[in-house]
Amino acid sequence: MLVIGCYASITINMSIEERLIFLISGSTLHCFMPNAKFPHEINSYF
């Protein structure tokens, strides 16, 4: 439940594409690093 809640709070402002890549890349690692600029880094590849 903790991971699900963390995942939901992080991805609430992300697009569908970002959520898929985020999930594939490993949401658990980012869950413990909430200040990382993961979504913004992903945007640079599109």
Protein backbone atom coordinates (compact mmCIF):
# COMPACT_ATOMS: atom_id res chain seq x y z
CA MET A 1 0.00 0.00 0.00
CA LEU A 2 2.86 2.37 0.75
CA VAL A 3 4.39 1.90 -2.69
CA ILE A 4 1.02 2.32 -4.38
CA GLY A 5 0.36 5.53 -2.49
CA CYS A 6 3.81 6.85 -3.31
CA TYR A 7 3.43 5.92 -6.97
CA ALA A 8 0.02 7.60 -7.17
CA SER A 9 1.27 10.81 -5.56
CA ILE A 10 4.25 11.03 -7.92
CA THR A 11 2.37 10.28 -11.14
CA ILE A 12 -0.72 12.40 -10.50
CA ASN A 13 0.62 15.16 -12.76
CA MET A 14 2.30 12.91 -15.31
CA SER A 15 1.03 12.07 -18.79
CA ILE A 16 0.18 8.53 -19.88
CA GLU A 17 3.48 8.13 -21.72
CA GLU A 18 5.43 9.35 -18.70
CA ARG A 19 3.61 6.94 -16.41
CA LEU A 20 4.44 3.96 -18.65
CA ILE A 21 8.13 4.86 -18.91
CA PHE A 22 8.22 5.69 -15.23
CA LEU A 23 6.78 2.30 -14.34
CA ILE A 24 9.12 0.45 -16.70
CA SER A 25 12.16 2.34 -15.41
CA GLY A 26 11.39 1.38 -11.83
CA SER A 27 8.99 3.46 -9.74
CA THR A 28 10.33 1.99 -6.48
CA LEU A 29 13.72 3.71 -6.83
CA HIS A 30 12.10 7.05 -7.62
CA CYS A 31 9.70 6.55 -4.73
CA PHE A 32 12.64 6.94 -2.35
CA MET A 33 14.01 9.83 -4.41
CA PRO A 34 10.95 12.13 -4.75
CA ASN A 35 13.11 15.17 -5.54
CA ALA A 36 14.61 13.62 -8.67
CA LYS A 37 13.72 15.30 -11.95
CA PHE A 38 12.70 12.05 -13.62
CA PRO A 39 9.58 13.28 -15.48
CA HIS A 40 11.44 16.31 -16.82
CA GLU A 41 14.34 14.18 -18.01
CA ILE A 42 11.90 11.93 -19.85
CA ASN A 43 10.36 14.92 -21.61
CA SER A 44 13.74 15.72 -23.15
CA TYR A 45 13.62 12.46 -25.11
CA PHE A 46 10.36 13.27 -26.92
